[in-house]
Protein backbone atom coordinates (compact mmCIF):
# COMPACT_ATOMS: atom_id res chain seq x y z
CA UNK A 1 -55.01 0.31 74.72
CA UNK A 2 -53.25 -0.15 78.05
CA UNK A 3 -53.63 2.03 81.15
CA UNK A 4 -50.69 2.92 83.38
CA UNK A 5 -50.50 4.84 86.65
CA UNK A 6 -47.14 6.44 87.47
CA UNK A 7 -46.86 7.54 91.10
CA UNK A 8 -43.80 9.64 91.90
CA UNK A 9 -43.18 13.00 93.56
CA UNK A 10 -39.99 13.65 91.57
CA UNK A 11 -41.05 15.45 88.38
CA UNK A 12 -38.02 14.46 86.31
CA UNK A 13 -38.15 10.81 87.34
CA UNK A 14 -41.89 10.67 86.70
CA UNK A 15 -41.46 12.21 83.24
CA UNK A 16 -38.68 9.71 82.51
CA UNK A 17 -40.96 6.78 83.32
CA UNK A 18 -43.90 8.21 81.38
CA UNK A 19 -41.73 8.79 78.30
CA UNK A 20 -40.39 5.23 78.50
CA UNK A 21 -43.86 3.68 78.78
CA UNK A 22 -45.26 5.74 75.91
CA UNK A 23 -42.19 5.02 73.81
CA UNK A 24 -42.76 1.28 74.10
CA UNK A 25 -46.56 1.10 73.96
CA UNK A 26 -47.12 4.10 71.67
CA UNK A 27 -48.93 7.29 72.63
CA UNK A 28 -52.09 6.19 70.82
CA UNK A 29 -52.08 2.79 72.51
CA UNK A 30 -51.34 3.90 76.06
CA UNK A 31 -53.25 6.02 78.57
CA UNK A 32 -50.96 7.27 81.34
CA UNK A 33 -52.15 8.86 84.59
CA UNK A 34 -49.67 10.67 86.82
CA UNK A 35 -49.83 11.18 90.58
CA UNK A 36 -47.31 12.89 92.87
CA UNK A 37 -48.61 11.77 96.30
CA UNK A 38 -50.42 8.88 97.97
CA UNK A 39 -53.77 10.71 98.18
CA UNK A 40 -53.85 11.51 94.46
CA UNK A 41 -52.80 7.97 93.60
CA UNK A 42 -55.48 6.43 95.79
CA UNK A 43 -58.13 8.68 94.24
CA UNK A 44 -57.08 7.48 90.79
CA UNK A 45 -57.15 3.85 91.97
CA UNK A 46 -60.69 4.26 93.29
CA UNK A 47 -61.88 5.49 89.92
CA UNK A 48 -60.02 3.29 87.46
CA UNK A 49 -58.57 -0.19 86.95
CA UNK A 50 -54.98 0.05 85.71
CA UNK A 51 -52.95 -2.53 83.86
CA UNK A 52 -49.72 -1.32 85.47
CA UNK A 53 -48.70 0.93 88.35
CA UNK A 54 -45.11 2.16 88.64
CA UNK A 55 -44.80 3.17 92.28
CA UNK A 56 -42.17 5.26 94.01
CA UNK A 57 -41.47 4.07 97.56
CA UNK A 58 -40.77 7.46 99.12
CA UNK A 59 -43.90 9.63 98.76
CA UNK A 60 -45.76 12.43 100.55
CA UNK A 61 -49.18 11.40 101.80
CA UNK A 62 -50.78 14.58 100.48
CA UNK A 63 -49.82 17.31 98.06
CA UNK A 64 -47.23 19.59 99.60
CA UNK A 65 -46.71 17.27 102.58
CA UNK A 66 -43.50 15.84 103.96
CA UNK A 67 -42.03 12.88 102.10
CA UNK A 68 -42.66 9.57 103.88
CA UNK A 69 -40.23 6.71 103.19
CA UNK A 70 -43.14 4.30 103.82
CA UNK A 71 -45.60 6.13 101.57
CA UNK A 72 -45.41 3.79 98.60
CA UNK A 73 -45.41 0.63 100.69
CA UNK A 74 -48.36 1.95 102.66
CA UNK A 75 -50.34 2.44 99.46
CA UNK A 76 -49.47 -1.12 98.41
CA UNK A 77 -50.69 -2.48 101.75
CA UNK A 78 -53.97 -0.61 101.41
CA UNK A 79 -54.54 -2.10 97.98
CA UNK A 80 -53.67 -5.56 99.23
CA UNK A 81 -56.25 -5.23 102.01
CA UNK A 82 -59.00 -4.54 99.50
CA UNK A 83 -59.07 -0.75 99.30
CA UNK A 84 -59.19 0.69 95.79
CA UNK A 85 -58.78 -1.23 92.54
CA UNK A 86 -55.47 -3.05 92.60
CA UNK A 87 -53.61 -2.81 89.26
CA UNK A 88 -52.92 -6.02 87.38
CA UNK A 89 -49.16 -5.37 87.60
CA UNK A 90 -47.13 -3.30 90.07
CA UNK A 91 -43.48 -2.26 89.92
CA UNK A 92 -41.75 -0.46 92.78
CA UNK A 93 -39.17 2.06 91.55
CA UNK A 94 -36.84 3.87 93.93
CA UNK A 95 -33.72 5.96 93.58
CA UNK A 96 -32.61 4.86 97.06
CA UNK A 97 -30.86 1.50 97.23
CA UNK A 98 -31.53 1.22 100.98
CA UNK A 99 -35.29 1.41 100.33
CA UNK A 100 -35.00 -1.22 97.62
CA UNK A 101 -33.33 -3.56 100.10
CA UNK A 102 -35.87 -2.72 102.81
CA UNK A 103 -38.97 -3.44 100.72
CA UNK A 104 -37.81 -6.08 98.24
CA UNK A 105 -39.23 -8.93 100.34
CA UNK A 106 -42.58 -7.25 100.95
CA UNK A 107 -43.05 -6.64 97.24
CA UNK A 108 -41.67 -10.08 96.41
CA UNK A 109 -44.16 -11.80 98.69
CA UNK A 110 -46.89 -10.28 96.52
CA UNK A 111 -45.01 -11.36 93.35
CA UNK A 112 -44.02 -7.78 92.47
CA UNK A 113 -40.57 -6.30 91.90
CA UNK A 114 -38.74 -3.37 93.44
CA UNK A 115 -36.08 -2.01 91.11
CA UNK A 116 -33.44 0.65 91.52
CA UNK A 117 -33.80 3.84 89.49
CA UNK A 118 -30.63 5.35 88.08
CA UNK A 119 -31.06 7.77 85.14
CA UNK A 120 -27.64 6.70 83.83
CA UNK A 121 -28.49 2.99 83.87
CA UNK A 122 -30.50 0.86 81.42
CA UNK A 123 -31.37 -1.91 83.89
CA UNK A 124 -34.55 -0.32 85.23
CA UNK A 125 -35.61 0.60 81.71
CA UNK A 126 -35.25 -2.96 80.46
CA UNK A 127 -37.41 -4.35 83.29
CA UNK A 128 -40.20 -1.85 82.66
CA UNK A 129 -39.88 -2.41 78.89
CA UNK A 130 -40.36 -6.14 79.35
CA UNK A 131 -43.42 -5.63 81.54
CA UNK A 132 -45.04 -3.12 79.16
CA UNK A 133 -44.41 -5.34 76.13
CA UNK A 134 -45.99 -8.26 77.95
CA UNK A 135 -49.07 -6.19 78.86
CA UNK A 136 -49.45 -4.81 75.32
CA UNK A 137 -49.37 -8.27 73.79
CA UNK A 138 -51.63 -9.76 76.44
CA UNK A 139 -54.18 -6.99 75.85
CA UNK A 140 -53.99 -7.65 72.12
CA UNK A 141 -54.69 -11.32 72.70
CA UNK A 142 -51.21 -12.35 71.62
CA UNK A 143 -50.38 -13.96 74.92
CA UNK A 144 -53.29 -16.35 74.65
CA UNK A 145 -52.76 -20.07 74.30
CA UNK A 146 -52.43 -21.49 70.83
CA UNK A 147 -48.92 -20.41 69.84
CA UNK A 148 -46.57 -23.32 69.45
CA UNK A 149 -43.35 -21.39 68.89
CA UNK A 150 -41.94 -17.96 69.69
CA UNK A 151 -40.24 -17.03 66.42
CA UNK A 152 -40.21 -18.42 62.88
CA UNK A 153 -37.58 -17.03 60.50
CA UNK A 154 -38.08 -17.28 56.74
CA UNK A 155 -35.45 -16.45 54.13
CA UNK A 156 -35.64 -16.40 50.35
CA UNK A 157 -32.19 -17.86 49.79
CA UNK A 158 -30.21 -20.69 51.34
CA UNK A 159 -27.04 -18.66 50.78
CA UNK A 160 -26.22 -16.16 52.05
CA UNK A 161 -29.49 -15.54 53.96
CA UNK A 162 -30.30 -18.80 55.78
CA UNK A 163 -26.58 -19.41 56.24
CA UNK A 164 -26.32 -16.12 58.15
CA UNK A 165 -29.23 -17.12 60.41
CA UNK A 166 -27.72 -20.52 61.20
CA UNK A 167 -24.49 -18.81 62.26
CA UNK A 168 -26.41 -17.30 65.20
CA UNK A 169 -26.10 -18.97 68.59
CA UNK A 170 -29.14 -21.21 68.47
CA UNK A 171 -28.04 -24.80 69.13
CA UNK A 172 -29.64 -25.63 65.79
CA UNK A 173 -31.02 -29.09 65.04
CA UNK A 174 -32.28 -30.17 61.61
CA UNK A 175 -35.94 -31.15 61.61
CA UNK A 176 -38.27 -32.52 58.95
CA UNK A 177 -42.05 -32.73 59.02
CA UNK A 178 -43.91 -35.76 57.74
CA UNK A 179 -45.05 -35.22 54.17
CA UNK A 180 -43.07 -31.98 53.82
CA UNK A 181 -39.90 -31.80 51.71
CA UNK A 182 -38.71 -28.54 53.33
CA UNK A 183 -35.79 -28.63 55.75
CA UNK A 184 -36.36 -26.81 59.04
CA UNK A 185 -33.82 -25.85 61.69
CA UNK A 186 -35.04 -25.78 65.29
CA UNK A 187 -33.14 -23.73 67.83
CA UNK A 188 -33.23 -21.52 70.91
CA UNK A 189 -32.17 -17.90 71.38
CA UNK A 190 -31.13 -17.51 75.00
CA UNK A 191 -29.49 -14.81 77.11
CA UNK A 192 -29.71 -13.60 80.73
CA UNK A 193 -32.54 -15.97 81.58
CA UNK A 194 -34.63 -15.09 78.52
CA UNK A 195 -35.45 -17.89 76.10
CA UNK A 196 -37.13 -17.90 72.70
CA UNK A 197 -37.93 -21.03 70.74
CA UNK A 198 -37.04 -20.56 67.06
CA UNK A 199 -37.37 -22.29 63.71
CA UNK A 200 -35.55 -21.14 60.56
CA UNK A 201 -36.02 -22.21 56.96
CA UNK A 202 -35.65 -21.01 53.37
CA UNK A 203 -38.31 -20.87 50.68
CA UNK A 204 -37.77 -23.01 47.61
CA UNK A 205 -36.81 -19.92 45.56
CA UNK A 206 -36.84 -16.14 45.57
CA UNK A 207 -39.99 -14.12 45.02
CA UNK A 208 -43.43 -13.56 46.44
CA UNK A 209 -45.20 -16.76 45.34
CA UNK A 210 -42.58 -19.03 46.93
CA UNK A 211 -42.41 -16.92 50.09
CA UNK A 212 -46.18 -16.81 50.51
CA UNK A 213 -46.52 -20.56 50.09
CA UNK A 214 -43.63 -21.34 52.42
CA UNK A 215 -44.67 -18.81 55.09
CA UNK A 216 -48.22 -20.17 55.16
CA UNK A 217 -46.82 -23.67 55.60
CA UNK A 218 -44.63 -22.48 58.49
CA UNK A 219 -47.62 -20.83 60.17
CA UNK A 220 -49.71 -23.98 59.81
CA UNK A 221 -47.04 -26.35 61.13
CA UNK A 222 -45.41 -24.27 63.89
CA UNK A 223 -47.97 -21.58 64.91
CA UNK A 224 -45.30 -18.94 65.65
CA UNK A 225 -45.95 -15.85 67.75
CA UNK A 226 -43.69 -13.84 65.41
CA UNK A 227 -42.98 -14.45 61.72
CA UNK A 228 -39.76 -12.77 60.58
CA UNK A 229 -38.07 -12.36 57.23
CA UNK A 230 -34.38 -11.50 57.05
CA UNK A 231 -32.10 -11.18 54.08
CA UNK A 232 -30.86 -8.75 51.46
CA UNK A 233 -32.47 -5.84 49.63
CA UNK A 234 -31.82 -2.81 47.47
CA UNK A 235 -31.67 0.39 49.48
CA UNK A 236 -32.88 3.80 48.38
CA UNK A 237 -29.95 5.58 50.02
CA UNK A 238 -27.34 4.99 52.69
CA UNK A 239 -24.54 2.44 52.50
CA UNK A 240 -24.10 -1.33 52.16
CA UNK A 241 -24.77 -3.03 55.46
CA UNK A 242 -27.44 -0.55 56.55
CA UNK A 243 -30.64 -2.12 57.84
CA UNK A 244 -34.12 -1.69 56.37
CA UNK A 245 -37.02 -2.34 58.73
CA UNK A 246 -40.42 -2.43 57.07
CA UNK A 247 -43.18 -0.42 58.73
CA UNK A 248 -45.42 -1.17 55.73
CA UNK A 249 -45.12 -3.09 52.50
CA UNK A 250 -46.90 -3.47 49.18
CA UNK A 251 -46.58 -5.13 45.76
CA UNK A 252 -45.39 -2.32 43.49
CA UNK A 253 -46.41 -4.33 40.42
CA UNK A 254 -50.04 -4.43 41.47
CA UNK A 255 -52.40 -2.52 39.19
CA UNK A 256 -53.59 -2.35 35.59
CA UNK A 257 -51.39 -2.26 32.51
CA UNK A 258 -52.95 -0.12 29.81
CA UNK A 259 -52.03 1.79 26.67
CA UNK A 260 -52.33 5.56 26.75
CA UNK A 261 -53.60 7.65 23.84
CA UNK A 262 -50.00 8.43 22.84
CA UNK A 263 -49.36 4.70 22.49
CA UNK A 264 -47.17 4.28 25.58
CA UNK A 265 -47.92 1.23 27.73
CA UNK A 266 -47.97 2.10 31.44
CA UNK A 267 -48.98 0.66 34.78
CA UNK A 268 -51.80 2.29 36.69
CA UNK A 269 -50.86 1.30 40.25
CA UNK A 270 -53.46 -0.14 42.64
CA UNK A 271 -51.37 -1.19 45.65
CA UNK A 272 -52.66 -2.66 48.89
CA UNK A 273 -50.33 -1.70 51.73
CA UNK A 274 -49.89 -3.97 54.75
CA UNK A 275 -48.55 -2.26 57.92
CA UNK A 276 -46.41 -3.71 60.66
CA UNK A 277 -48.13 -4.02 64.04
CA UNK A 278 -47.89 -0.65 65.90
CA UNK A 279 -46.39 -2.24 69.00
CA UNK A 280 -43.56 -3.72 66.91
CA UNK A 281 -42.92 -0.43 65.13
CA UNK A 282 -42.65 1.32 68.49
CA UNK A 283 -40.18 -1.28 69.69
CA UNK A 284 -38.06 -0.96 66.56
CA UNK A 285 -38.03 2.82 66.95
CA UNK A 286 -37.00 2.57 70.58
CA UNK A 287 -34.40 -0.13 70.01
CA UNK A 288 -32.56 1.52 67.13
CA UNK A 289 -28.93 0.45 66.78
CA UNK A 290 -27.03 1.71 69.81
CA UNK A 291 -23.29 1.42 70.41
CA UNK A 292 -23.32 -1.73 72.59
CA UNK A 293 -25.60 -3.59 70.15
CA UNK A 294 -23.53 -2.59 67.14
CA UNK A 295 -20.39 -3.56 69.05
CA UNK A 296 -21.70 -7.06 69.75
CA UNK A 297 -22.61 -7.48 66.09
CA UNK A 298 -19.22 -6.18 64.92
CA UNK A 299 -17.37 -8.64 67.17
CA UNK A 300 -18.96 -11.54 65.25
CA UNK A 301 -18.14 -10.36 61.73
CA UNK A 302 -15.53 -12.53 59.99
CA UNK A 303 -15.95 -11.35 56.41
CA UNK A 304 -13.36 -9.77 54.13
CA UNK A 305 -15.19 -6.44 53.81
CA UNK A 306 -14.60 -3.84 56.55
CA UNK A 307 -17.42 -3.75 59.09
CA UNK A 308 -19.67 -0.76 58.37
CA UNK A 309 -20.92 2.05 60.59
CA UNK A 310 -24.39 0.75 59.96
CA UNK A 311 -27.64 2.64 60.45
CA UNK A 312 -31.26 1.58 60.56
CA UNK A 313 -34.04 2.96 58.38
CA UNK A 314 -37.64 2.26 59.39
CA UNK A 315 -40.08 2.87 56.56
CA UNK A 316 -41.99 1.48 53.59
CA UNK A 317 -40.48 -1.49 51.75
CA UNK A 318 -41.83 -2.34 48.30
CA UNK A 319 -41.87 -5.89 46.94
CA UNK A 320 -41.78 -6.85 43.27
CA UNK A 321 -41.49 -9.85 41.01
CA UNK A 322 -38.01 -9.22 39.63
CA UNK A 323 -34.48 -8.38 40.73
CA UNK A 324 -34.01 -4.65 40.10
CA UNK A 325 -30.79 -3.49 38.46
CA UNK A 326 -32.19 -0.34 36.81
CA UNK A 327 -32.35 2.83 38.93
CA UNK A 328 -35.30 4.39 37.04
CA UNK A 329 -37.46 1.53 38.36
CA UNK A 330 -36.47 2.48 41.93
CA UNK A 331 -37.15 6.15 41.19
CA UNK A 332 -40.60 5.26 39.83
CA UNK A 333 -41.49 3.43 43.06
CA UNK A 334 -40.16 6.33 45.13
CA UNK A 335 -42.47 8.63 43.17
CA UNK A 336 -45.39 6.61 44.52
CA UNK A 337 -44.13 6.76 48.12
CA UNK A 338 -41.46 9.34 48.93
CA UNK A 339 -40.69 7.64 52.27
CA UNK A 340 -39.57 4.40 50.59
CA UNK A 341 -36.47 2.86 52.19
CA UNK A 342 -35.98 -0.26 50.10
CA UNK A 343 -37.04 -2.63 47.32
CA UNK A 344 -36.92 -6.41 47.38
CA UNK A 345 -38.98 -9.45 46.38
CA UNK A 346 -40.61 -11.08 49.43
CA UNK A 347 -41.72 -8.91 52.37
CA UNK A 348 -45.24 -8.24 51.09
CA UNK A 349 -45.82 -11.98 50.67
CA UNK A 350 -44.68 -12.71 54.22
CA UNK A 351 -46.97 -10.01 55.67
CA UNK A 352 -49.88 -11.31 53.60
CA UNK A 353 -49.28 -14.88 54.78
CA UNK A 354 -49.33 -13.72 58.41
CA UNK A 355 -52.53 -11.81 57.78
CA UNK A 356 -54.24 -14.81 56.16
CA UNK A 357 -52.99 -17.47 58.61
CA UNK A 358 -55.32 -19.24 60.99
CA UNK A 359 -55.72 -17.72 64.44
CA UNK A 360 -53.76 -17.12 66.55
CA UNK A 361 -51.98 -15.17 63.82
CA UNK A 362 -48.30 -14.26 64.08
CA UNK A 363 -46.97 -10.72 64.05
CA UNK A 364 -44.87 -10.32 60.88
CA UNK A 365 -41.63 -8.34 60.72
CA UNK A 366 -39.03 -7.82 58.03
CA UNK A 367 -35.38 -6.85 58.46
CA UNK A 368 -33.25 -6.59 55.32
CA UNK A 369 -29.63 -5.59 54.89
CA UNK A 370 -28.69 -3.24 52.05
CA UNK A 371 -26.48 -4.98 49.48
CA UNK A 372 -26.96 -2.58 46.54
CA UNK A 373 -29.11 0.32 45.32
CA UNK A 374 -31.03 -1.24 42.45
CA UNK A 375 -28.87 0.29 39.72
CA UNK A 376 -26.50 -0.92 36.99
CA UNK A 377 -23.67 -1.12 39.53
CA UNK A 378 -25.45 -4.06 41.18
CA UNK A 379 -22.96 -6.73 42.29
CA UNK A 380 -22.78 -9.62 44.76
CA UNK A 381 -19.86 -8.42 46.89
CA UNK A 382 -21.99 -7.01 49.72
CA UNK A 383 -24.59 -9.80 49.91
CA UNK A 384 -22.79 -11.71 52.66
CA UNK A 385 -22.44 -8.55 54.78
CA UNK A 386 -26.08 -7.53 54.23
CA UNK A 387 -27.41 -10.98 55.17
CA UNK A 388 -25.15 -11.06 58.23
CA UNK A 389 -26.35 -7.65 59.45
CA UNK A 390 -30.02 -8.55 59.06
CA UNK A 391 -29.69 -11.86 60.91
CA UNK A 392 -27.61 -10.39 63.71
CA UNK A 393 -29.97 -7.47 64.20
CA UNK A 394 -32.95 -9.81 64.44
CA UNK A 395 -31.07 -11.85 67.04
CA UNK A 396 -30.32 -8.82 69.22
CA UNK A 397 -33.79 -7.34 68.79
CA UNK A 398 -35.48 -10.66 69.60
CA UNK A 399 -33.58 -11.16 72.85
CA UNK A 400 -34.27 -7.64 74.06
CA UNK A 401 -37.66 -6.70 72.66
CA UNK A 402 -39.77 -9.80 71.91
CA UNK A 403 -41.83 -11.96 74.23
CA UNK A 404 -40.82 -15.60 74.47
CA UNK A 405 -41.81 -18.79 76.24
CA UNK A 406 -44.43 -20.18 73.86
CA UNK A 407 -45.06 -23.82 74.69
């Protein structure tokens, strides 16, 4: 749970900031207090310690009073002199560029930022997003020392899955670990001053046993902050190239096989479902697949198949021991969870490996591209596209929504 104080006399702007913060941190994981003047803000700061304060610069001193262009800066000075409980993080947010210029040094001297608010711009949103994500992970203990790498990517197949990852801009270098026959690829995802250290590798074969063994080995050797699986999967609906993002996963073959009185042999399911971390699910929901992101991905596609108007589906992904090319099997799994978005062979194993790894444990995530729909029409023609989409989406999501800079 994080606590945020939003101080702004403009109702629409204040609501905009509150919605952004709750969208990133999650309503259940974020307590937001609102204040519309300096007096109300100071009262809140006397009573509570906040993780973050988003502070307008132009504020009335009291409710109903005249707006003071020094109101926000005055509150900051009071906090700096020892009055009230100073929040752990402070961001100045103003709609007036002249006030941003006027106070940028004063805030900067205290290691805080003043950013310009424009409802039509994404710049201010991205800066607040980054700060909130950092606070959420720090509160969860994920920013503690012990991580050796920002992101580890595991695939089930060398081709087309790992191949698609290694086509990303990562300055990849082959690396081997003493006593380990696996081949690892070390790289860096970097853009606009953000940097994530990355390692990518493929399991020895498809399926949950190989993925679990390989993912545990990756966790032990590299201690990643995030453990990601990308690749191909069977979708429940949609079109080839759509993206499936697991918000939970289970082994749909788990249970007891028994013979009924009529002689039919059936499976009595007993699944254990593993959820994605709530902060990651919130980030996936917020990130989506907007026009600029899809445009960047489309510009890199060099395949023979026309680039799709891809969509994302966030929901349950079921893992099983076999490749599915029989639609009744898919329908049977859907009957157990009507929100199912896809079926594949590895995600549950990756999530279980992350859960069983030594502390500090990584946050697991799975992004799969739809290559078929688990029916008799199953073919290989869309595998390259599906693997490409999954790898590219992870790349864009990582650079915009994940925390980097592990030592």
